Amino acid sequence: VRLVESGGGLVQPGGSLRLSCAASGFTFSSYGMSWYRQAPGKERELVIRITSAGGITNLADSVKGRFTISRDNTKNTVYLQMNSLKPEDTAVYYCYRSPYWGQGTQVTVSS
């Protein structure tokens, strides 16, 4: 199993980013996928999850109304669309398919 995140970077408050996680080594369409994040000095936390059927679950209160998740089973890729970004969204974002983690991608929200 391999999970490779991309799309992170530096963005100003109020801006948007879309993260991608390219998956390989398993039947992607059969698994739920999640995004976690870890801010400096804090524990890793679940941000949002999408089921194999495309249902969205476990959306963290801190990102409700701003973040959404989607998947493209033809590309074996899951996306995290982040809008109205805040400085407190600064973290390393990880793709997760139990029990496998991607390497993470840094998102920094700063002016």
Protein backbone atom coordinates (compact mmCIF):
# COMPACT_ATOMS: atom_id res chain seq x y z
CA VAL A 1 0.00 0.00 0.00
CA ARG A 2 1.27 3.43 -0.89
CA LEU A 3 -0.32 6.80 -0.14
CA VAL A 4 1.25 9.93 -1.59
CA GLU A 5 -0.06 13.36 -0.62
CA SER A 6 0.46 16.52 -2.62
CA GLY A 7 -0.90 20.03 -2.88
CA GLY A 8 0.29 21.57 0.35
CA GLY A 9 1.95 24.94 0.58
CA LEU A 10 1.76 28.45 1.93
CA VAL A 11 -1.56 30.25 1.66
CA GLN A 12 -2.94 33.46 3.09
CA PRO A 13 -5.80 33.44 5.59
CA GLY A 14 -9.08 33.12 3.76
CA GLY A 15 -7.49 31.28 0.89
CA SER A 16 -8.05 27.78 -0.45
CA LEU A 17 -6.02 24.69 -1.16
CA ARG A 18 -6.83 21.28 -2.53
CA LEU A 19 -4.80 18.36 -1.28
CA SER A 20 -4.57 15.12 -3.20
CA CYS A 21 -3.71 11.63 -2.03
CA ALA A 22 -2.76 9.16 -4.73
CA ALA A 23 -3.25 5.60 -3.57
CA SER A 24 -1.82 2.37 -4.91
CA GLY A 25 -1.33 -1.23 -3.92
CA PHE A 26 -4.91 -2.03 -3.01
CA THR A 27 -8.44 -1.93 -4.40
CA PHE A 28 -9.05 1.75 -3.76
CA SER A 29 -12.80 1.72 -4.34
CA SER A 30 -13.30 -0.80 -1.55
CA TYR A 31 -11.89 1.30 1.27
CA GLY A 32 -12.82 4.32 3.27
CA MET A 33 -10.18 7.02 3.30
CA SER A 34 -9.37 9.71 5.82
CA TRP A 35 -7.44 12.92 6.23
CA TYR A 36 -5.68 13.67 9.51
CA ARG A 37 -3.58 16.61 10.52
CA GLN A 38 -0.93 17.34 13.09
CA ALA A 39 -0.07 20.82 14.19
CA PRO A 40 3.24 21.60 15.93
CA GLY A 41 3.15 20.41 19.52
CA LYS A 42 -0.26 18.80 19.14
CA GLU A 43 -1.56 15.31 18.65
CA ARG A 44 -2.61 14.06 15.25
CA GLU A 45 -6.35 14.55 14.76
CA LEU A 46 -8.95 13.23 12.37
CA VAL A 47 -10.18 15.90 10.00
CA ILE A 48 -12.61 14.09 7.76
CA ARG A 49 -13.40 10.68 6.33
CA ILE A 50 -15.07 9.38 3.20
CA THR A 51 -16.55 5.91 3.01
CA SER A 52 -16.04 3.53 0.13
CA ALA A 53 -19.50 4.52 -1.08
CA GLY A 54 -18.66 8.22 -0.99
CA GLY A 55 -20.38 9.17 2.23
CA ILE A 56 -18.68 11.83 4.33
CA THR A 57 -18.23 11.12 8.00
CA ASN A 58 -16.29 12.22 11.06
CA LEU A 59 -15.98 15.83 10.06
CA ALA A 60 -14.14 17.74 12.77
CA ASP A 61 -16.13 20.64 14.23
CA SER A 62 -13.25 23.00 13.54
CA VAL A 63 -13.53 22.50 9.78
CA LYS A 64 -17.28 22.20 9.28
CA GLY A 65 -18.50 24.40 6.48
CA ARG A 66 -14.95 24.94 5.20
CA PHE A 67 -13.45 21.57 4.29
CA THR A 68 -14.81 18.76 2.22
CA ILE A 69 -13.53 15.44 0.97
CA SER A 70 -14.10 13.67 -2.31
CA ARG A 71 -12.75 10.70 -4.16
CA ASP A 72 -12.17 9.69 -7.76
CA ASN A 73 -12.09 5.92 -7.97
CA THR A 74 -10.97 6.08 -11.60
CA LYS A 75 -7.79 7.85 -10.49
CA ASN A 76 -7.37 6.08 -7.12
CA THR A 77 -7.21 9.51 -5.54
CA VAL A 78 -8.87 11.19 -2.57
CA TYR A 79 -9.03 14.96 -2.27
CA LEU A 80 -9.32 17.42 0.58
CA GLN A 81 -10.74 20.77 -0.46
CA MET A 82 -9.95 23.41 2.11
CA ASN A 83 -11.63 26.80 1.91
CA SER A 84 -11.60 29.85 4.17
CA LEU A 85 -8.32 28.73 5.65
CA LYS A 86 -7.27 30.02 9.04
CA PRO A 87 -3.85 30.19 10.71
CA GLU A 88 -4.98 27.44 13.06
CA ASP A 89 -5.31 25.11 10.08
CA THR A 90 -1.53 25.14 9.80
CA ALA A 91 -0.39 21.53 10.12
CA VAL A 92 1.02 18.55 8.33
CA TYR A 93 -1.88 16.81 6.61
CA TYR A 94 -1.85 13.05 6.27
CA CYS A 95 -3.81 10.63 4.15
CA TYR A 96 -4.84 7.45 5.97
CA ARG A 97 -6.18 4.06 5.02
CA SER A 98 -6.08 1.79 7.98
CA PRO A 99 -3.42 1.04 9.03
CA TYR A 100 -1.35 2.90 6.46
CA TRP A 101 -0.23 6.53 6.46
CA GLY A 102 1.08 8.78 3.77
CA GLN A 103 4.20 10.86 4.32
CA GLY A 104 2.24 14.04 4.87
CA THR A 105 2.11 17.43 3.20
CA GLN A 106 2.70 20.73 4.96
CA VAL A 107 -0.02 23.37 4.93
CA THR A 108 0.89 26.78 6.29
CA VAL A 109 -1.70 29.52 6.59
CA SER A 110 -0.06 32.85 7.16
CA SER A 111 -0.03 36.39 5.89
